[in-house]
Amino acid sequence: MTQIKEQRPSELRVRLNAKCKEQGVSLERDSKAHFLISYSTLNRHLNLEKDLKPTLINKLSLFLEVSDEEVIGWHGIKKTHPDHTTQQNKKKNKTTTFFSIFASTVVIILVIMVWTQSNASKPYQPMMQTSTYFGKGIDIDLSRSEDSKDFHPPRFNYKFDNAIASISGEKIILNADVQFTLLSQPNIKYIGAFEASGKYINGHAAMSYQVTVKPNNEVWLGVLMLDLPDTGTSKGYWLTIFNNPGFTSFGDFGFGNIEMERTLISSDKKEKDN
């Protein structure tokens, strides 16, 4: 009968346990205070086969009083562990739970839109309409929950100028100039171009968008659900993914809201029958 060889802990974990014992620190109790993440999340990062996140490397090097390079060297490559499959399944289940809720919400909205269209008493007549808006938005924090660790902490608030929504039948195009202001340093601002297109049905829009940040032309991709009533404030929510989330986050995704006010309707007319 083949004997299973006991998995030895990594050099990084041995050093970390020794330092905790020396300092009288309990990882289970004090993980968030020292490393800004829960004990269970810290364990997952230490067991991953891929490289550690830069933020966690920095926190570990400060705690262990060594260089970042030493922390990376001690981490090494995780070997096969009997509980590896179980840990991966738990991680997958937590991620799936959050996105199932988000996907269910989107499906419900789309079902309502399709039902409203299919039960309309009059034949649908395509409309051509161009409206100008100005607006604002802000990042919403979904990063604090352990189940939402894939989300980036709030970084910006947003100002939209010269936002032009062009609607033709069930098609919508939305272009705008956008200004980003760092929440942590309001004097630091960036500018960019916002381009979106998608479906428009009965005052509701579902669009995919691209934000090009100037001057380095970094591109963010995302989706936007937007309520566009004939009068009043237009409100919506967006989900984006960053190409370069930076060193202050464990997640690549961002979530936020947008509010826009109509300033001008330049045209509003029915298309002529061919």
C-alpha atoms as a PDB file:
ATOM      1  CA  MET A   1       0.000   0.000   0.000  1.00  0.00           C
ATOM      2  CA  THR A   2       1.429   3.380  -1.022  1.00  0.00           C
ATOM      3  CA  GLN A   3       1.982   5.778   1.878  1.00  0.00           C
ATOM      4  CA  ILE A   4       0.949   9.405   1.349  1.00  0.00           C
ATOM      5  CA  LYS A   5       3.872  11.684   2.027  1.00  0.00           C
ATOM      6  CA  GLU A   6       3.067  14.474   4.492  1.00  0.00           C
ATOM      7  CA  GLN A   7       2.998  17.937   2.877  1.00  0.00           C
ATOM      8  CA  ARG A   8       5.576  20.241   4.437  1.00  0.00           C
ATOM      9  CA  PRO A   9       4.557  23.907   4.897  1.00  0.00           C
ATOM     10  CA  SER A  10       6.253  26.486   2.695  1.00  0.00           C
ATOM     11  CA  GLU A  11       9.238  28.452   3.966  1.00  0.00           C
ATOM     12  CA  LEU A  12       7.054  31.600   3.976  1.00  0.00           C
ATOM     13  CA  ARG A  13       4.447  30.000   6.245  1.00  0.00           C
ATOM     14  CA  VAL A  14       7.149  28.684   8.619  1.00  0.00           C
ATOM     15  CA  ARG A  15       8.715  32.171   8.847  1.00  0.00           C
ATOM     16  CA  LEU A  16       5.299  33.774   9.330  1.00  0.00           C
ATOM     17  CA  ASN A  17       4.316  31.383  12.132  1.00  0.00           C
ATOM     18  CA  ALA A  18       7.665  31.955  13.867  1.00  0.00           C
ATOM     19  CA  LYS A  19       7.285  35.756  13.639  1.00  0.00           C
ATOM     20  CA  CYS A  20       3.751  35.601  15.005  1.00  0.00           C
ATOM     21  CA  LYS A  21       4.954  33.513  17.960  1.00  0.00           C
ATOM     22  CA  GLU A  22       7.785  35.989  18.583  1.00  0.00           C
ATOM     23  CA  GLN A  23       5.450  39.005  18.445  1.00  0.00           C
ATOM     24  CA  GLY A  24       2.587  37.352  20.309  1.00  0.00           C
ATOM     25  CA  VAL A  25       0.322  37.757  17.271  1.00  0.00           C
ATOM     26  CA  SER A  26      -2.601  35.470  16.410  1.00  0.00           C
ATOM     27  CA  LEU A  27      -3.098  35.201  12.639  1.00  0.00           C
ATOM     28  CA  GLU A  28      -6.687  34.087  13.083  1.00  0.00           C
ATOM     29  CA  ARG A  29      -7.467  37.110  15.264  1.00  0.00           C
ATOM     30  CA  ASP A  30      -5.142  39.792  13.851  1.00  0.00           C
ATOM     31  CA  SER A  31      -4.985  38.995  10.107  1.00  0.00           C
ATOM     32  CA  LYS A  32      -7.064  42.012   9.030  1.00  0.00           C
ATOM     33  CA  ALA A  33      -5.106  44.396  11.258  1.00  0.00           C
ATOM     34  CA  HIS A  34      -1.751  43.391   9.757  1.00  0.00           C
ATOM     35  CA  PHE A  35      -2.609  42.259   6.227  1.00  0.00           C
ATOM     36  CA  LEU A  36      -5.999  43.964   5.455  1.00  0.00           C
ATOM     37  CA  ILE A  37      -7.615  40.584   4.650  1.00  0.00           C
ATOM     38  CA  SER A  38      -9.380  37.892   6.664  1.00  0.00           C
ATOM     39  CA  TYR A  39      -7.564  34.855   8.018  1.00  0.00           C
ATOM     40  CA  SER A  40      -9.285  32.519   5.534  1.00  0.00           C
ATOM     41  CA  THR A  41      -8.390  34.785   2.597  1.00  0.00           C
ATOM     42  CA  LEU A  42      -4.764  34.978   3.783  1.00  0.00           C
ATOM     43  CA  ASN A  43      -4.615  31.175   3.848  1.00  0.00           C
ATOM     44  CA  ARG A  44      -5.927  31.018   0.276  1.00  0.00           C
ATOM     45  CA  HIS A  45      -3.288  33.471  -0.950  1.00  0.00           C
ATOM     46  CA  LEU A  46      -0.492  31.576   0.798  1.00  0.00           C
ATOM     47  CA  ASN A  47      -1.681  28.297  -0.760  1.00  0.00           C
ATOM     48  CA  LEU A  48      -2.123  29.577  -4.338  1.00  0.00           C
ATOM     49  CA  GLU A  49       0.187  28.277  -7.053  1.00  0.00           C
ATOM     50  CA  LYS A  50       0.301  31.688  -8.731  1.00  0.00           C
ATOM     51  CA  ASP A  51       2.326  34.677  -7.532  1.00  0.00           C
ATOM     52  CA  LEU A  52       1.284  36.685  -4.485  1.00  0.00           C
ATOM     53  CA  LYS A  53      -0.448  40.029  -5.012  1.00  0.00           C
ATOM     54  CA  PRO A  54       1.935  43.035  -4.704  1.00  0.00           C
ATOM     55  CA  THR A  55      -0.087  44.492  -1.787  1.00  0.00           C
ATOM     56  CA  LEU A  56       0.125  41.263   0.212  1.00  0.00           C
ATOM     57  CA  ILE A  57       3.863  40.934  -0.527  1.00  0.00           C
ATOM     58  CA  ASN A  58       4.399  44.450   0.836  1.00  0.00           C
ATOM     59  CA  LYS A  59       2.385  43.763   4.008  1.00  0.00           C
ATOM     60  CA  LEU A  60       4.231  40.472   4.616  1.00  0.00           C
ATOM     61  CA  SER A  61       7.664  42.041   4.100  1.00  0.00           C
ATOM     62  CA  LEU A  62       6.850  44.838   6.575  1.00  0.00           C
ATOM     63  CA  PHE A  63       5.601  42.355   9.165  1.00  0.00           C
ATOM     64  CA  LEU A  64       8.548  39.955   8.710  1.00  0.00           C
ATOM     65  CA  GLU A  65      11.023  42.876   8.454  1.00  0.00           C
ATOM     66  CA  VAL A  66      12.570  41.533   5.258  1.00  0.00           C
ATOM     67  CA  SER A  67      12.650  42.556   1.603  1.00  0.00           C
ATOM     68  CA  ASP A  68       9.897  41.865  -0.928  1.00  0.00           C
ATOM     69  CA  GLU A  69      12.312  39.578  -2.810  1.00  0.00           C
ATOM     70  CA  GLU A  70      12.811  37.382   0.255  1.00  0.00           C
ATOM     71  CA  VAL A  71       9.043  37.023   0.701  1.00  0.00           C
ATOM     72  CA  ILE A  72       8.667  35.992  -2.959  1.00  0.00           C
ATOM     73  CA  GLY A  73      11.516  33.490  -2.632  1.00  0.00           C
ATOM     74  CA  TRP A  74      10.063  31.965   0.557  1.00  0.00           C
ATOM     75  CA  HIS A  75       6.620  31.655  -1.053  1.00  0.00           C
ATOM     76  CA  GLY A  76       7.893  29.405  -3.855  1.00  0.00           C
ATOM     77  CA  ILE A  77       5.440  27.107  -5.688  1.00  0.00           C
ATOM     78  CA  LYS A  78       2.664  25.369  -3.774  1.00  0.00           C
ATOM     79  CA  LYS A  79       2.845  21.554  -3.975  1.00  0.00           C
ATOM     80  CA  THR A  80      -0.108  19.187  -4.298  1.00  0.00           C
ATOM     81  CA  HIS A  81      -2.117  19.057  -1.065  1.00  0.00           C
ATOM     82  CA  PRO A  82      -4.920  16.600  -0.211  1.00  0.00           C
ATOM     83  CA  ASP A  83      -7.299  19.501   0.507  1.00  0.00           C
ATOM     84  CA  HIS A  84      -6.467  21.393  -2.702  1.00  0.00           C
ATOM     85  CA  THR A  85      -9.608  20.257  -4.543  1.00  0.00           C
ATOM     86  CA  THR A  86     -11.837  21.092  -1.569  1.00  0.00           C
ATOM     87  CA  GLN A  87     -10.329  24.584  -1.248  1.00  0.00           C
ATOM     88  CA  GLN A  88     -10.786  25.244  -4.961  1.00  0.00           C
ATOM     89  CA  ASN A  89     -14.423  24.108  -4.793  1.00  0.00           C
ATOM     90  CA  LYS A  90     -15.127  26.427  -1.841  1.00  0.00           C
ATOM     91  CA  LYS A  91     -13.564  29.362  -3.706  1.00  0.00           C
ATOM     92  CA  LYS A  92     -15.567  28.543  -6.844  1.00  0.00           C
ATOM     93  CA  ASN A  93     -18.827  28.230  -4.852  1.00  0.00           C
ATOM     94  CA  LYS A  94     -18.375  31.639  -3.179  1.00  0.00           C
ATOM     95  CA  THR A  95     -17.644  33.353  -6.488  1.00  0.00           C
ATOM     96  CA  THR A  96     -20.548  31.565  -8.168  1.00  0.00           C
ATOM     97  CA  THR A  97     -22.979  32.654  -5.416  1.00  0.00           C
ATOM     98  CA  PHE A  98     -22.347  36.365  -5.943  1.00  0.00           C
ATOM     99  CA  PHE A  99     -22.442  36.254  -9.734  1.00  0.00           C
ATOM    100  CA  SER A 100     -25.594  34.103  -9.658  1.00  0.00           C
ATOM    101  CA  ILE A 101     -27.380  36.882  -7.771  1.00  0.00           C
ATOM    102  CA  PHE A 102     -26.098  39.528 -10.207  1.00  0.00           C
ATOM    103  CA  ALA A 103     -26.983  37.401 -13.259  1.00  0.00           C
ATOM    104  CA  SER A 104     -30.480  36.674 -11.892  1.00  0.00           C
ATOM    105  CA  THR A 105     -31.153  40.407 -11.514  1.00  0.00           C
ATOM    106  CA  VAL A 106     -30.096  41.069 -15.108  1.00  0.00           C
ATOM    107  CA  VAL A 107     -32.248  38.171 -16.383  1.00  0.00           C
ATOM    108  CA  ILE A 108     -35.322  39.471 -14.532  1.00  0.00           C
ATOM    109  CA  ILE A 109     -34.874  42.934 -16.074  1.00  0.00           C
ATOM    110  CA  LEU A 110     -34.505  41.468 -19.574  1.00  0.00           C
ATOM    111  CA  VAL A 111     -37.569  39.200 -19.128  1.00  0.00           C
ATOM    112  CA  ILE A 112     -39.693  42.193 -18.079  1.00  0.00           C
ATOM    113  CA  MET A 113     -38.474  44.174 -21.103  1.00  0.00           C
ATOM    114  CA  VAL A 114     -39.251  41.295 -23.524  1.00  0.00           C
ATOM    115  CA  TRP A 115     -42.674  40.683 -21.954  1.00  0.00           C
ATOM    116  CA  THR A 116     -43.598  44.369 -22.219  1.00  0.00           C
ATOM    117  CA  GLN A 117     -42.623  44.453 -25.883  1.00  0.00           C
ATOM    118  CA  SER A 118     -44.459  41.214 -26.802  1.00  0.00           C
ATOM    119  CA  ASN A 119     -47.707  42.407 -25.171  1.00  0.00           C
ATOM    120  CA  ALA A 120     -47.790  45.844 -26.765  1.00  0.00           C
ATOM    121  CA  SER A 121     -51.207  46.523 -28.329  1.00  0.00           C
ATOM    122  CA  LYS A 122     -49.867  48.664 -31.187  1.00  0.00           C
ATOM    123  CA  PRO A 123     -47.199  47.727 -33.714  1.00  0.00           C
ATOM    124  CA  TYR A 124     -43.788  49.029 -32.683  1.00  0.00           C
ATOM    125  CA  GLN A 125     -42.696  52.060 -34.711  1.00  0.00           C
ATOM    126  CA  PRO A 126     -38.979  52.859 -34.668  1.00  0.00           C
ATOM    127  CA  MET A 127     -38.124  56.270 -33.235  1.00  0.00           C
ATOM    128  CA  MET A 128     -35.186  58.529 -33.971  1.00  0.00           C
ATOM    129  CA  GLN A 129     -34.121  60.661 -31.023  1.00  0.00           C
ATOM    130  CA  THR A 130     -30.949  62.474 -30.003  1.00  0.00           C
ATOM    131  CA  SER A 131     -30.616  63.886 -26.497  1.00  0.00           C
ATOM    132  CA  THR A 132     -27.793  65.627 -24.653  1.00  0.00           C
ATOM    133  CA  TYR A 133     -27.050  64.985 -20.990  1.00  0.00           C
ATOM    134  CA  PHE A 134     -24.628  65.859 -18.227  1.00  0.00           C
ATOM    135  CA  GLY A 135     -24.099  63.520 -15.331  1.00  0.00           C
ATOM    136  CA  LYS A 136     -22.100  62.091 -12.491  1.00  0.00           C
ATOM    137  CA  GLY A 137     -21.189  58.694 -11.008  1.00  0.00           C
ATOM    138  CA  ILE A 138     -19.256  57.091  -8.205  1.00  0.00           C
ATOM    139  CA  ASP A 139     -17.659  53.737  -7.407  1.00  0.00           C
ATOM    140  CA  ILE A 140     -19.694  51.538  -5.041  1.00  0.00           C
ATOM    141  CA  ASP A 141     -17.703  49.467  -2.535  1.00  0.00           C
ATOM    142  CA  LEU A 142     -18.274  45.707  -2.962  1.00  0.00           C
ATOM    143  CA  SER A 143     -14.755  44.754  -1.850  1.00  0.00           C
ATOM    144  CA  ARG A 144     -15.330  44.462   1.904  1.00  0.00           C
ATOM    145  CA  SER A 145     -17.292  41.212   1.793  1.00  0.00           C
ATOM    146  CA  GLU A 146     -15.145  38.091   1.623  1.00  0.00           C
ATOM    147  CA  ASP A 147     -17.496  36.681  -1.004  1.00  0.00           C
ATOM    148  CA  SER A 148     -16.814  39.747  -3.187  1.00  0.00           C
ATOM    149  CA  LYS A 149     -13.020  39.797  -3.055  1.00  0.00           C
ATOM    150  CA  ASP A 150     -12.896  40.056  -6.865  1.00  0.00           C
ATOM    151  CA  PHE A 151     -14.060  43.679  -6.659  1.00  0.00           C
ATOM    152  CA  HIS A 152     -11.810  46.718  -6.523  1.00  0.00           C
ATOM    153  CA  PRO A 153     -12.219  49.166  -3.616  1.00  0.00           C
ATOM    154  CA  PRO A 154     -13.715  52.547  -4.624  1.00  0.00           C
ATOM    155  CA  ARG A 155     -11.194  54.730  -6.461  1.00  0.00           C
ATOM    156  CA  PHE A 156     -13.002  57.489  -8.362  1.00  0.00           C
ATOM    157  CA  ASN A 157     -16.027  59.655  -8.752  1.00  0.00           C
ATOM    158  CA  TYR A 158     -16.994  60.574 -12.287  1.00  0.00           C
ATOM    159  CA  LYS A 159     -18.289  63.585 -14.190  1.00  0.00           C
ATOM    160  CA  PHE A 160     -19.889  63.165 -17.623  1.00  0.00           C
ATOM    161  CA  ASP A 161     -20.030  66.100 -20.056  1.00  0.00           C
ATOM    162  CA  ASN A 162     -21.395  66.351 -23.609  1.00  0.00           C
ATOM    163  CA  ALA A 163     -23.125  62.985 -23.193  1.00  0.00           C
ATOM    164  CA  ILE A 164     -25.121  62.347 -26.378  1.00  0.00           C
ATOM    165  CA  ALA A 165     -27.608  59.494 -26.549  1.00  0.00           C
ATOM    166  CA  SER A 166     -28.744  58.589 -30.069  1.00  0.00           C
ATOM    167  CA  ILE A 167     -31.728  56.219 -30.247  1.00  0.00           C
ATOM    168  CA  SER A 168     -32.983  54.610 -33.446  1.00  0.00           C
ATOM    169  CA  GLY A 169     -35.642  51.978 -32.943  1.00  0.00           C
ATOM    170  CA  GLU A 170     -34.164  49.427 -30.545  1.00  0.00           C
ATOM    171  CA  LYS A 171     -30.575  50.610 -31.022  1.00  0.00           C
ATOM    172  CA  ILE A 172     -28.827  53.125 -28.787  1.00  0.00           C
ATOM    173  CA  ILE A 173     -25.400  54.792 -28.913  1.00  0.00           C
ATOM    174  CA  LEU A 174     -24.088  56.840 -25.988  1.00  0.00           C
ATOM    175  CA  ASN A 175     -20.878  58.899 -26.218  1.00  0.00           C
ATOM    176  CA  ALA A 176     -19.504  61.254 -23.563  1.00  0.00           C
ATOM    177  CA  ASP A 177     -16.436  63.022 -22.224  1.00  0.00           C
ATOM    178  CA  VAL A 178     -15.649  61.691 -18.750  1.00  0.00           C
ATOM    179  CA  GLN A 179     -13.503  63.109 -15.955  1.00  0.00           C
ATOM    180  CA  PHE A 180     -12.187  60.860 -13.142  1.00  0.00           C
ATOM    181  CA  THR A 181     -11.349  62.298  -9.710  1.00  0.00           C
ATOM    182  CA  LEU A 182      -9.432  60.207  -7.169  1.00  0.00           C
ATOM    183  CA  LEU A 183     -11.459  59.826  -3.960  1.00  0.00           C
ATOM    184  CA  SER A 184      -8.261  59.726  -1.900  1.00  0.00           C
ATOM    185  CA  GLN A 185      -6.734  62.807  -3.624  1.00  0.00           C
ATOM    186  CA  PRO A 186      -9.459  65.057  -5.073  1.00  0.00           C
ATOM    187  CA  ASN A 187      -6.851  67.325  -6.687  1.00  0.00           C
ATOM    188  CA  ILE A 188      -5.787  64.495  -9.029  1.00  0.00           C
ATOM    189  CA  LYS A 189      -8.028  64.178 -12.087  1.00  0.00           C
ATOM    190  CA  TYR A 190      -7.957  62.242 -15.350  1.00  0.00           C
ATOM    191  CA  ILE A 191      -9.958  62.589 -18.540  1.00  0.00           C
ATOM    192  CA  GLY A 192     -11.215  60.014 -20.980  1.00  0.00           C
ATOM    193  CA  ALA A 193     -13.702  59.111 -23.700  1.00  0.00           C
ATOM    194  CA  PHE A 194     -16.800  56.993 -22.990  1.00  0.00           C
ATOM    195  CA  GLU A 195     -18.346  55.019 -25.883  1.00  0.00           C
ATOM    196  CA  ALA A 196     -21.323  52.682 -25.454  1.00  0.00           C
ATOM    197  CA  SER A 197     -23.846  50.898 -27.669  1.00  0.00           C
ATOM    198  CA  GLY A 198     -26.577  48.314 -27.220  1.00  0.00           C
ATOM    199  CA  LYS A 199     -30.317  47.700 -27.035  1.00  0.00           C
ATOM    200  CA  TYR A 200     -33.037  50.195 -26.115  1.00  0.00           C
ATOM    201  CA  ILE A 201     -36.577  49.039 -25.286  1.00  0.00           C
ATOM    202  CA  ASN A 202     -39.378  51.078 -23.677  1.00  0.00           C
ATOM    203  CA  GLY A 203     -37.119  53.551 -21.874  1.00  0.00           C
ATOM    204  CA  HIS A 204     -34.538  50.978 -20.753  1.00  0.00           C
ATOM    205  CA  ALA A 205     -31.050  50.557 -22.205  1.00  0.00           C
ATOM    206  CA  ALA A 206     -28.588  47.670 -21.903  1.00  0.00           C
ATOM    207  CA  MET A 207     -25.184  48.587 -23.319  1.00  0.00           C
ATOM    208  CA  SER A 208     -21.598  47.434 -23.497  1.00  0.00           C
ATOM    209  CA  TYR A 209     -19.048  50.235 -23.220  1.00  0.00           C
ATOM    210  CA  GLN A 210     -15.409  51.165 -23.581  1.00  0.00           C
ATOM    211  CA  VAL A 211     -13.599  53.891 -21.651  1.00  0.00           C
ATOM    212  CA  THR A 212     -10.316  55.153 -23.104  1.00  0.00           C
ATOM    213  CA  VAL A 213      -8.256  56.973 -20.470  1.00  0.00           C
ATOM    214  CA  LYS A 214      -5.997  59.758 -21.715  1.00  0.00           C
ATOM    215  CA  PRO A 215      -3.133  60.309 -22.313  1.00  0.00           C
ATOM    216  CA  ASN A 216      -1.898  56.683 -22.074  1.00  0.00           C
ATOM    217  CA  ASN A 217      -4.947  55.274 -23.938  1.00  0.00           C
ATOM    218  CA  GLU A 218      -5.606  52.601 -21.297  1.00  0.00           C
ATOM    219  CA  VAL A 219      -8.928  50.885 -22.069  1.00  0.00           C
ATOM    220  CA  TRP A 220     -11.590  49.675 -19.608  1.00  0.00           C
ATOM    221  CA  LEU A 221     -14.460  47.463 -20.765  1.00  0.00           C
ATOM    222  CA  GLY A 222     -17.836  47.132 -19.076  1.00  0.00           C
ATOM    223  CA  VAL A 223     -21.617  46.862 -19.237  1.00  0.00           C
ATOM    224  CA  LEU A 224     -24.221  49.493 -18.317  1.00  0.00           C
ATOM    225  CA  MET A 225     -27.918  49.147 -17.438  1.00  0.00           C
ATOM    226  CA  LEU A 226     -29.616  52.548 -17.749  1.00  0.00           C
ATOM    227  CA  ASP A 227     -33.142  53.811 -17.170  1.00  0.00           C
ATOM    228  CA  LEU A 228     -33.936  56.638 -19.664  1.00  0.00           C
ATOM    229  CA  PRO A 229     -37.349  58.173 -18.883  1.00  0.00           C
ATOM    230  CA  ASP A 230     -38.782  60.947 -21.046  1.00  0.00           C
ATOM    231  CA  THR A 231     -38.468  63.370 -18.130  1.00  0.00           C
ATOM    232  CA  GLY A 232     -36.524  63.506 -14.905  1.00  0.00           C
ATOM    233  CA  THR A 233     -33.240  61.942 -13.893  1.00  0.00           C
ATOM    234  CA  SER A 234     -31.800  58.973 -15.745  1.00  0.00           C
ATOM    235  CA  LYS A 235     -30.200  56.426 -13.426  1.00  0.00           C
ATOM    236  CA  GLY A 236     -28.200  53.264 -13.955  1.00  0.00           C
ATOM    237  CA  TYR A 237     -25.488  50.910 -12.769  1.00  0.00           C
ATOM    238  CA  TRP A 238     -22.339  49.650 -14.425  1.00  0.00           C
ATOM    239  CA  LEU A 239     -19.825  46.822 -14.074  1.00  0.00           C
ATOM    240  CA  THR A 240     -16.300  47.152 -15.445  1.00  0.00           C
ATOM    241  CA  ILE A 241     -13.012  45.257 -15.509  1.00  0.00           C
ATOM    242  CA  PHE A 242      -9.687  47.060 -15.210  1.00  0.00           C
ATOM    243  CA  ASN A 243      -6.694  46.112 -17.374  1.00  0.00           C
ATOM    244  CA  ASN A 244      -4.399  47.239 -14.584  1.00  0.00           C
ATOM    245  CA  PRO A 245      -6.147  47.283 -11.187  1.00  0.00           C
ATOM    246  CA  GLY A 246      -3.057  48.610  -9.391  1.00  0.00           C
ATOM    247  CA  PHE A 247      -1.320  47.652  -6.161  1.00  0.00           C
ATOM    248  CA  THR A 248      -4.125  48.560  -3.725  1.00  0.00           C
ATOM    249  CA  SER A 249      -6.630  45.886  -4.700  1.00  0.00           C
ATOM    250  CA  PHE A 250      -7.084  42.139  -4.782  1.00  0.00           C
ATOM    251  CA  GLY A 251      -9.835  42.368  -7.431  1.00  0.00           C
ATOM    252  CA  ASP A 252     -10.015  43.407 -11.065  1.00  0.00           C
ATOM    253  CA  PHE A 253     -13.711  44.385 -11.218  1.00  0.00           C
ATOM    254  CA  GLY A 254     -15.363  47.715 -10.442  1.00  0.00           C
ATOM    255  CA  PHE A 255     -19.026  48.518  -9.754  1.00  0.00           C
ATOM    256  CA  GLY A 256     -20.788  51.865  -9.578  1.00  0.00           C
ATOM    257  CA  ASN A 257     -23.743  54.062 -10.432  1.00  0.00           C
ATOM    258  CA  ILE A 258     -24.508  56.895 -12.837  1.00  0.00           C
ATOM    259  CA  GLU A 259     -27.071  59.717 -12.839  1.00  0.00           C
ATOM    260  CA  MET A 260     -27.714  61.952 -15.851  1.00  0.00           C
ATOM    261  CA  GLU A 261     -29.890  64.995 -16.482  1.00  0.00           C
ATOM    262  CA  ARG A 262     -31.273  65.791 -19.934  1.00  0.00           C
ATOM    263  CA  THR A 263     -30.248  69.206 -21.298  1.00  0.00           C
ATOM    264  CA  LEU A 264     -31.484  69.143 -24.880  1.00  0.00           C
ATOM    265  CA  ILE A 265     -33.618  67.131 -27.293  1.00  0.00           C
ATOM    266  CA  SER A 266     -32.398  67.970 -30.773  1.00  0.00           C
ATOM    267  CA  SER A 267     -34.735  65.673 -32.681  1.00  0.00           C
ATOM    268  CA  ASP A 268     -37.671  63.419 -31.997  1.00  0.00           C
ATOM    269  CA  LYS A 269     -39.426  61.999 -34.980  1.00  0.00           C
ATOM    270  CA  LYS A 270     -40.762  58.745 -36.395  1.00  0.00           C
ATOM    271  CA  GLU A 271     -38.980  57.046 -39.268  1.00  0.00           C
ATOM    272  CA  LYS A 272     -40.860  57.113 -42.523  1.00  0.00           C
ATOM    273  CA  ASP A 273     -42.139  53.827 -43.889  1.00  0.00           C
ATOM    274  CA  ASN A 274     -40.078  52.510 -46.764  1.00  0.00           C
END
